[in-house]
Amino acid sequence: MQNKTKINRFVFIGIILITLNLRGPITGVGPIIELIKEQYHFSNALAGLITTLPLFAFAVFSPLVARFKYVQMMFYGLILITFGEVIRSYFGEIGLFLGTLMMGIGIAIANVLLPSIIKTKFPKNFGKVMSLYSLILVISAAIGAGISVPIAISLGLGWKNTLAIWAFIAFIALIFWYPHLKGRRKYQNNKITIKDDKPIYKYSTAWWITLFMGTQSLIFYSVIAWFPSILIDKGFDLHFASNMTLLYQICSMPIALFGPLVISRVRNKYKHFFSTCLCLMYGLAFGILYGESSILMMFIATFLLAFPMGGLFGIALLFISTKVSLPQKVARLSGMSQSLGYLIAATGPIFLGFIYDIFGSWKVPLIVFIALTILLIFFAYKASNSQTI
């Protein structure tokens, strides 16, 4: 019993270290995207590809991950993250995109496997562990958004060295995960025969969760990519935009921790009300960004963005964990929802950047954001009220 407890603690620490690498390397790009554009003379559409490439990697590789042993795949994923982050910083324009793609593949592996590992190792406390997992994701995102400008500009290290810092963090996680390979029989996915061999994509529940995951991810990564640019377009400087990005990341932490806990305990008829309130905050924030330009209203919009950005991803993960009966199905549903979901999300940063290039204003993209919010409310309702697979 004591050995099992020690193993679970070891797994839990590993989960924390890996999770720290899943958002920061991506959110760290947005605040300094203007520096990258200036050096390489990128258009907004091409700059949006930097944020979109990891999402394409999520989409392509997520459904393949569950077919392999969890511990080995996680180790390979961390290798890809580490080397990808080095390559994107120091190997020129081609390296920027190639390294970003490698990093995205590694993050895709961890994205798929962690919910299943949590379901397997912590079946009685998965709600609490998923909440902590969601919180650490937000902390990672906040660190990425918060340190980029101070390190790149204030300390004078430049954007390349700033992004390369994440390779060191990934290397620490890689070292920590290595001992799991020696004890892989204790951690590998159990080969349990699932009586219901119906493909996961034939369940309507899987599709509603996928659409919810995809739409909330599209909004999330599009905001990460372009929120600083929206503020700069309104006349604010890079430091103010960076501080506002850090602010919504910090404010999103409480909802990231408590959101999944709350929605897992409330009655079904109240779950949609909770998720709808979060979605409406998106709509209000985008409305303010569309029509206002004062500092006070930018603070209000930033504060409103924090709640859905912190809570909706955790709710999506909770749907994946609670709408299935077996850990093996969690991996399948996680693979499907993240593959197709991130394929949907990948269109966001490029498409919205392309719209900006056409109109020369963020007004039209913000109208698109509001329309996506309405769709998100509908998908949340269907996913919340769908049957367990």
Protein backbone atom coordinates (compact mmCIF):
# COMPACT_ATOMS: atom_id res chain seq x y z
CA MET A 1 0.00 0.00 0.00
CA GLN A 2 2.84 2.36 0.89
CA ASN A 3 4.67 1.49 -2.33
CA LYS A 4 1.53 2.26 -4.33
CA THR A 5 1.20 5.61 -2.56
CA LYS A 6 4.83 6.47 -3.32
CA ILE A 7 4.34 5.51 -6.97
CA ASN A 8 1.25 7.72 -7.24
CA ARG A 9 3.12 10.63 -5.65
CA PHE A 10 5.95 10.11 -8.12
CA VAL A 11 3.47 10.09 -10.99
CA PHE A 12 1.76 13.21 -9.64
CA ILE A 13 5.04 15.15 -9.46
CA GLY A 14 5.82 14.01 -12.99
CA ILE A 15 2.44 15.27 -14.14
CA ILE A 16 3.14 18.69 -12.62
CA LEU A 17 6.55 19.03 -14.29
CA ILE A 18 5.26 17.93 -17.68
CA THR A 19 2.22 20.20 -17.49
CA LEU A 20 4.44 23.23 -16.94
CA ASN A 21 5.74 22.71 -20.48
CA LEU A 22 2.38 22.53 -22.23
CA ARG A 23 1.27 26.18 -22.48
CA GLY A 24 4.10 28.57 -21.61
CA PRO A 25 6.16 27.85 -24.75
CA ILE A 26 3.10 28.83 -26.82
CA THR A 27 1.74 31.77 -24.81
CA GLY A 28 5.23 33.23 -24.60
CA VAL A 29 5.13 34.01 -28.33
CA GLY A 30 2.13 36.38 -28.39
CA PRO A 31 3.59 39.25 -26.33
CA ILE A 32 6.77 39.34 -28.45
CA ILE A 33 5.24 38.48 -31.83
CA GLU A 34 5.89 42.03 -33.00
CA LEU A 35 9.62 41.52 -32.39
CA ILE A 36 9.60 38.34 -34.45
CA LYS A 37 7.61 40.03 -37.23
CA GLU A 38 10.06 42.93 -37.27
CA GLN A 39 13.12 40.70 -37.56
CA TYR A 40 11.78 38.39 -40.26
CA HIS A 41 9.38 40.87 -41.94
CA PHE A 42 6.37 38.56 -41.53
CA SER A 43 2.78 39.46 -42.39
CA ASN A 44 0.11 38.96 -39.72
CA ALA A 45 -1.11 35.80 -41.44
CA LEU A 46 2.40 34.30 -41.50
CA ALA A 47 3.02 35.36 -37.91
CA GLY A 48 -0.23 33.63 -36.96
CA LEU A 49 1.25 30.41 -38.34
CA ILE A 50 3.74 30.39 -35.45
CA THR A 51 0.85 29.92 -33.03
CA THR A 52 -1.08 27.68 -35.41
CA LEU A 53 1.65 25.10 -36.14
CA PRO A 54 1.42 23.48 -32.67
CA LEU A 55 -2.34 23.21 -33.16
CA PHE A 56 -1.86 21.42 -36.48
CA ALA A 57 0.55 19.08 -34.70
CA PHE A 58 -2.08 18.45 -32.02
CA ALA A 59 -4.62 17.65 -34.72
CA VAL A 60 -2.46 15.23 -36.72
CA PHE A 61 -0.70 13.33 -33.94
CA SER A 62 -3.30 13.25 -31.14
CA PRO A 63 -5.26 10.24 -32.51
CA LEU A 64 -2.05 8.20 -32.94
CA VAL A 65 -0.69 8.61 -29.42
CA ALA A 66 -3.09 6.27 -27.57
CA ARG A 67 -1.90 3.30 -29.63
CA PHE A 68 1.52 3.25 -27.95
CA LYS A 69 2.76 2.68 -24.41
CA TYR A 70 2.20 5.76 -22.32
CA VAL A 71 5.53 6.07 -20.52
CA GLN A 72 7.73 5.66 -23.58
CA MET A 73 5.60 8.02 -25.65
CA MET A 74 5.70 10.65 -22.91
CA PHE A 75 9.49 10.42 -22.83
CA TYR A 76 9.74 10.85 -26.60
CA GLY A 77 7.31 13.76 -26.39
CA LEU A 78 9.53 15.55 -23.88
CA ILE A 79 12.54 15.02 -26.16
CA LEU A 80 10.65 16.65 -29.03
CA ILE A 81 9.60 19.58 -26.83
CA THR A 82 13.18 20.16 -25.62
CA PHE A 83 14.90 20.04 -29.01
CA GLY A 84 12.03 21.81 -30.76
CA GLU A 85 12.34 24.80 -28.47
CA VAL A 86 16.08 25.04 -29.11
CA ILE A 87 15.66 24.78 -32.89
CA ARG A 88 12.92 27.42 -33.11
CA SER A 89 15.12 29.94 -31.30
CA TYR A 90 18.51 29.50 -32.95
CA PHE A 91 18.09 28.05 -36.45
CA GLY A 92 16.69 30.97 -38.43
CA GLU A 93 13.36 31.31 -40.21
CA ILE A 94 13.13 27.64 -41.19
CA GLY A 95 14.15 26.60 -37.69
CA LEU A 96 11.46 28.85 -36.23
CA PHE A 97 8.72 26.90 -37.98
CA LEU A 98 10.38 23.46 -37.84
CA GLY A 99 11.17 23.79 -34.15
CA THR A 100 7.66 25.02 -33.41
CA LEU A 101 6.25 21.99 -35.22
CA MET A 102 8.50 19.58 -33.29
CA MET A 103 7.51 21.22 -30.03
CA GLY A 104 3.84 20.96 -31.01
CA ILE A 105 4.15 17.22 -31.66
CA GLY A 106 5.68 16.73 -28.22
CA ILE A 107 2.98 18.78 -26.53
CA ALA A 108 0.33 16.84 -28.47
CA ILE A 109 1.63 13.60 -26.98
CA ALA A 110 1.41 14.94 -23.43
CA ASN A 111 -1.99 16.54 -24.05
CA VAL A 112 -3.50 13.18 -24.98
CA LEU A 113 -1.79 10.99 -22.41
CA LEU A 114 -2.10 13.05 -19.23
CA PRO A 115 -5.92 12.86 -18.85
CA SER A 116 -5.78 9.08 -19.31
CA ILE A 117 -2.88 8.71 -16.84
CA ILE A 118 -4.80 10.79 -14.32
CA LYS A 119 -7.94 8.68 -14.84
CA THR A 120 -5.91 5.48 -14.36
CA LYS A 121 -3.80 6.49 -11.37
CA PHE A 122 -6.29 8.67 -9.50
CA PRO A 123 -9.77 7.22 -10.23
CA LYS A 124 -11.23 8.34 -6.89
CA ASN A 125 -9.77 11.84 -7.00
CA PHE A 126 -9.67 12.54 -10.72
CA GLY A 127 -11.86 15.65 -10.32
CA LYS A 128 -9.39 17.20 -7.89
CA VAL A 129 -6.34 16.13 -9.87
CA MET A 130 -7.86 17.41 -13.12
CA SER A 131 -8.52 20.74 -11.42
CA LEU A 132 -4.90 20.96 -10.32
CA TYR A 133 -3.80 19.93 -13.81
CA SER A 134 -5.97 22.70 -15.27
CA LEU A 135 -4.55 25.21 -12.76
CA ILE A 136 -0.95 24.31 -13.63
CA LEU A 137 -1.76 24.76 -17.32
CA VAL A 138 -2.92 28.28 -16.55
CA ILE A 139 0.15 28.96 -14.39
CA SER A 140 2.35 27.80 -17.25
CA ALA A 141 0.46 30.05 -19.65
CA ALA A 142 0.76 32.98 -17.23
CA ILE A 143 4.50 32.51 -16.85
CA GLY A 144 4.92 32.39 -20.61
CA ALA A 145 2.88 35.52 -21.16
CA GLY A 146 4.41 37.39 -18.24
CA ILE A 147 8.14 36.84 -18.65
CA SER A 148 8.53 37.28 -22.42
CA VAL A 149 8.63 41.07 -22.65
CA PRO A 150 10.61 41.70 -19.41
CA ILE A 151 13.27 39.16 -20.39
CA ALA A 152 13.40 40.02 -24.08
CA ILE A 153 13.33 43.83 -23.73
CA SER A 154 13.97 44.90 -20.14
CA LEU A 155 16.85 42.43 -19.63
CA GLY A 156 17.93 42.79 -23.25
CA LEU A 157 18.13 39.06 -23.97
CA GLY A 158 16.03 39.25 -27.13
CA TRP A 159 13.16 37.05 -28.19
CA LYS A 160 15.36 34.07 -29.15
CA ASN A 161 16.95 33.60 -25.73
CA THR A 162 13.62 34.29 -24.07
CA LEU A 163 11.86 31.45 -25.89
CA ALA A 164 14.86 29.14 -25.42
CA ILE A 165 14.42 29.28 -21.63
CA TRP A 166 11.55 26.82 -22.02
CA ALA A 167 13.96 24.19 -23.37
CA PHE A 168 15.70 24.18 -19.97
CA ILE A 169 12.39 23.62 -18.18
CA ALA A 170 11.51 20.80 -20.58
CA PHE A 171 14.92 19.22 -19.99
CA ILE A 172 14.25 19.13 -16.23
CA ALA A 173 10.96 17.33 -16.86
CA LEU A 174 12.77 14.93 -19.22
CA ILE A 175 15.31 14.03 -16.54
CA PHE A 176 12.58 13.53 -13.98
CA TRP A 177 10.52 11.31 -16.27
CA TYR A 178 13.43 9.05 -17.25
CA PRO A 179 13.17 6.79 -14.13
CA HIS A 180 9.63 5.90 -15.21
CA LEU A 181 11.11 4.00 -18.16
CA LYS A 182 12.81 1.56 -15.78
CA GLY A 183 9.54 0.90 -13.98
CA ARG A 184 7.34 1.13 -17.05
CA ARG A 185 5.37 -2.03 -16.19
CA LYS A 186 3.87 -0.13 -13.28
CA TYR A 187 2.82 2.81 -15.41
CA GLN A 188 2.07 1.51 -18.88
CA ASN A 189 -1.46 1.41 -20.20
CA ASN A 190 -3.26 -1.75 -19.19
CA LYS A 191 -4.41 -3.90 -22.04
CA ILE A 192 -7.98 -4.45 -20.94
CA THR A 193 -10.45 -5.68 -23.49
CA ILE A 194 -13.25 -3.24 -24.02
CA LYS A 195 -16.51 -5.08 -24.62
CA ASP A 196 -17.94 -2.19 -26.57
CA ASP A 197 -15.69 -1.98 -29.63
CA LYS A 198 -17.85 0.65 -31.31
CA PRO A 199 -15.58 3.36 -32.80
CA ILE A 200 -15.51 6.47 -30.66
CA TYR A 201 -16.48 8.72 -33.56
CA LYS A 202 -19.86 6.98 -33.84
CA TYR A 203 -20.99 8.44 -30.51
CA SER A 204 -22.76 11.80 -30.69
CA THR A 205 -21.31 12.61 -27.25
CA ALA A 206 -17.80 12.45 -28.70
CA TRP A 207 -18.72 14.93 -31.44
CA TRP A 208 -20.30 17.49 -29.10
CA ILE A 209 -17.26 17.34 -26.81
CA THR A 210 -14.98 17.67 -29.84
CA LEU A 211 -16.85 20.72 -31.14
CA PHE A 212 -16.76 22.30 -27.68
CA MET A 213 -13.05 21.57 -27.34
CA GLY A 214 -12.35 22.90 -30.82
CA THR A 215 -14.29 26.14 -30.49
CA GLN A 216 -12.98 27.04 -27.05
CA SER A 217 -9.44 26.24 -28.21
CA LEU A 218 -9.89 28.37 -31.34
CA ILE A 219 -10.90 31.35 -29.22
CA PHE A 220 -8.22 30.69 -26.61
CA TYR A 221 -5.28 30.46 -29.01
CA SER A 222 -6.55 33.30 -31.19
CA VAL A 223 -6.72 35.56 -28.13
CA ILE A 224 -3.24 34.46 -27.08
CA ALA A 225 -1.91 35.19 -30.56
CA TRP A 226 -3.59 38.55 -31.18
CA PHE A 227 -4.70 40.15 -27.91
CA PRO A 228 -1.42 42.10 -27.52
CA SER A 229 -1.67 43.24 -31.16
CA ILE A 230 -5.28 44.36 -30.63
CA LEU A 231 -4.17 46.56 -27.73
CA ILE A 232 -1.19 47.91 -29.67
CA ASP A 233 -3.53 48.72 -32.57
CA LYS A 234 -5.55 50.83 -30.12
CA GLY A 235 -2.47 52.93 -29.36
CA PHE A 236 -1.05 51.19 -26.29
CA ASP A 237 2.62 50.21 -26.11
CA LEU A 238 4.13 46.73 -25.98
CA HIS A 239 4.72 46.84 -22.21
CA PHE A 240 1.05 47.66 -21.51
CA ALA A 241 -0.09 44.87 -23.85
CA SER A 242 2.26 42.43 -22.13
CA ASN A 243 1.01 43.46 -18.68
CA MET A 244 -2.61 43.00 -19.74
CA THR A 245 -1.77 39.56 -21.10
CA LEU A 246 -0.14 38.65 -17.80
CA LEU A 247 -3.14 40.06 -15.92
CA TYR A 248 -5.71 37.82 -17.59
CA GLN A 249 -3.45 34.82 -17.11
CA ILE A 250 -3.12 35.50 -13.38
CA CYS A 251 -6.82 36.24 -12.92
CA SER A 252 -7.71 33.00 -14.69
CA MET A 253 -5.94 30.83 -12.10
CA PRO A 254 -8.75 30.61 -9.49
CA ILE A 255 -11.36 29.62 -12.07
CA ALA A 256 -8.95 27.08 -13.57
CA LEU A 257 -8.67 25.41 -10.15
CA PHE A 258 -12.26 25.63 -8.94
CA GLY A 259 -14.19 25.55 -12.23
CA PRO A 260 -13.90 21.80 -12.89
CA LEU A 261 -14.55 21.07 -9.19
CA VAL A 262 -17.73 23.13 -9.20
CA ILE A 263 -19.14 21.78 -12.43
CA SER A 264 -18.37 18.17 -11.41
CA ARG A 265 -20.45 18.55 -8.25
CA VAL A 266 -23.43 20.61 -9.32
CA ARG A 267 -26.58 19.10 -10.77
CA ASN A 268 -26.82 18.66 -14.52
CA LYS A 269 -29.39 21.47 -14.91
CA TYR A 270 -26.91 23.96 -13.41
CA LYS A 271 -23.82 22.82 -15.34
CA HIS A 272 -24.86 24.57 -18.54
CA PHE A 273 -25.66 27.74 -16.60
CA PHE A 274 -22.10 27.78 -15.23
CA SER A 275 -20.46 27.22 -18.63
CA THR A 276 -22.82 29.73 -20.28
CA CYS A 277 -21.80 32.44 -17.82
CA LEU A 278 -18.16 31.85 -18.71
CA CYS A 279 -18.92 32.00 -22.43
CA LEU A 280 -20.91 35.23 -22.04
CA MET A 281 -17.86 36.82 -20.42
CA TYR A 282 -16.04 36.19 -23.69
CA GLY A 283 -18.82 37.98 -25.56
CA LEU A 284 -18.75 40.97 -23.22
CA ALA A 285 -14.97 41.24 -23.44
CA PHE A 286 -14.98 41.15 -27.23
CA GLY A 287 -17.78 43.74 -27.30
CA ILE A 288 -15.72 46.08 -25.12
CA LEU A 289 -12.63 45.59 -27.28
CA TYR A 290 -14.75 46.36 -30.34
CA GLY A 291 -16.23 49.62 -29.11
CA GLU A 292 -13.96 51.02 -26.38
CA SER A 293 -10.38 52.26 -26.14
CA SER A 294 -9.97 53.70 -22.64
CA ILE A 295 -7.52 52.18 -20.17
CA LEU A 296 -10.32 51.41 -17.69
CA MET A 297 -12.34 49.49 -20.27
CA MET A 298 -9.22 47.58 -21.35
CA PHE A 299 -8.78 46.48 -17.75
CA ILE A 300 -12.41 45.36 -17.60
CA ALA A 301 -12.12 43.48 -20.91
CA THR A 302 -8.93 41.80 -19.72
CA PHE A 303 -10.58 40.76 -16.45
CA LEU A 304 -13.58 39.33 -18.32
CA LEU A 305 -11.32 37.34 -20.65
CA ALA A 306 -9.61 35.71 -17.66
CA PHE A 307 -12.59 33.67 -16.49
CA PRO A 308 -13.46 31.74 -19.67
CA MET A 309 -9.80 31.35 -20.62
CA GLY A 310 -9.13 29.77 -17.24
CA GLY A 311 -12.29 27.71 -16.88
CA LEU A 312 -13.44 26.39 -20.25
CA PHE A 313 -10.43 24.20 -21.03
CA GLY A 314 -10.73 22.54 -17.62
CA ILE A 315 -14.42 21.91 -18.30
CA ALA A 316 -13.53 20.36 -21.67
CA LEU A 317 -11.06 18.04 -19.95
CA LEU A 318 -13.69 17.16 -17.37
CA PHE A 319 -16.14 16.26 -20.15
CA ILE A 320 -13.50 13.92 -21.58
CA SER A 321 -12.91 12.26 -18.20
CA THR A 322 -16.50 11.99 -16.98
CA LYS A 323 -18.41 11.17 -20.17
CA VAL A 324 -16.67 7.79 -20.58
CA SER A 325 -16.66 4.66 -18.43
CA LEU A 326 -13.14 3.24 -18.98
CA PRO A 327 -9.62 4.74 -19.05
CA GLN A 328 -9.04 3.22 -22.50
CA LYS A 329 -12.00 5.15 -23.84
CA VAL A 330 -10.67 8.30 -22.19
CA ALA A 331 -7.54 8.01 -24.35
CA ARG A 332 -9.66 7.45 -27.48
CA LEU A 333 -12.00 10.34 -26.74
CA SER A 334 -9.06 12.53 -25.75
CA GLY A 335 -7.37 11.68 -29.04
CA MET A 336 -10.46 12.42 -31.12
CA SER A 337 -11.47 15.63 -29.33
CA GLN A 338 -7.94 17.02 -29.36
CA SER A 339 -7.20 15.93 -32.93
CA LEU A 340 -10.29 17.37 -34.59
CA GLY A 341 -10.69 20.05 -31.94
CA TYR A 342 -7.23 21.47 -32.48
CA LEU A 343 -7.67 21.20 -36.24
CA ILE A 344 -10.61 23.55 -35.78
CA ALA A 345 -8.55 25.75 -33.47
CA ALA A 346 -5.65 25.90 -35.92
CA THR A 347 -7.73 27.93 -38.35
CA GLY A 348 -8.20 30.75 -35.82
CA PRO A 349 -4.90 32.67 -35.58
CA ILE A 350 -4.21 32.46 -39.32
CA PHE A 351 -7.77 33.29 -40.39
CA LEU A 352 -8.13 36.24 -38.01
CA GLY A 353 -4.69 37.53 -38.97
CA PHE A 354 -5.69 37.24 -42.63
CA ILE A 355 -8.89 39.21 -41.98
CA TYR A 356 -6.84 41.92 -40.28
CA ASP A 357 -4.48 42.08 -43.27
CA ILE A 358 -7.49 42.62 -45.56
CA PHE A 359 -9.37 45.23 -43.51
CA GLY A 360 -6.46 46.81 -41.61
CA SER A 361 -8.55 46.78 -38.43
CA TRP A 362 -9.47 44.38 -35.63
CA LYS A 363 -13.17 45.35 -35.81
CA VAL A 364 -14.17 42.51 -38.16
CA PRO A 365 -12.13 39.84 -36.33
CA LEU A 366 -13.79 40.89 -33.07
CA ILE A 367 -17.23 40.40 -34.67
CA VAL A 368 -16.07 36.89 -35.60
CA PHE A 369 -15.06 36.34 -31.97
CA ILE A 370 -18.57 37.29 -30.81
CA ALA A 371 -20.16 34.88 -33.32
CA LEU A 372 -17.88 32.08 -32.08
CA THR A 373 -18.99 32.78 -28.53
CA ILE A 374 -22.61 32.07 -29.49
CA LEU A 375 -21.58 28.76 -31.07
CA LEU A 376 -19.56 27.89 -27.96
CA ILE A 377 -22.63 28.27 -25.72
CA PHE A 378 -24.59 25.84 -27.90
CA PHE A 379 -21.80 23.24 -27.98
CA ALA A 380 -21.37 23.49 -24.20
CA TYR A 381 -25.07 22.76 -23.72
CA LYS A 382 -24.98 19.69 -25.97
CA ALA A 383 -21.77 18.32 -24.43
CA SER A 384 -23.03 18.82 -20.87
CA ASN A 385 -26.31 17.03 -21.53
CA SER A 386 -24.95 14.18 -23.65
CA GLN A 387 -24.99 10.59 -22.49
CA THR A 388 -22.02 8.71 -21.01
CA ILE A 389 -20.19 6.56 -23.54
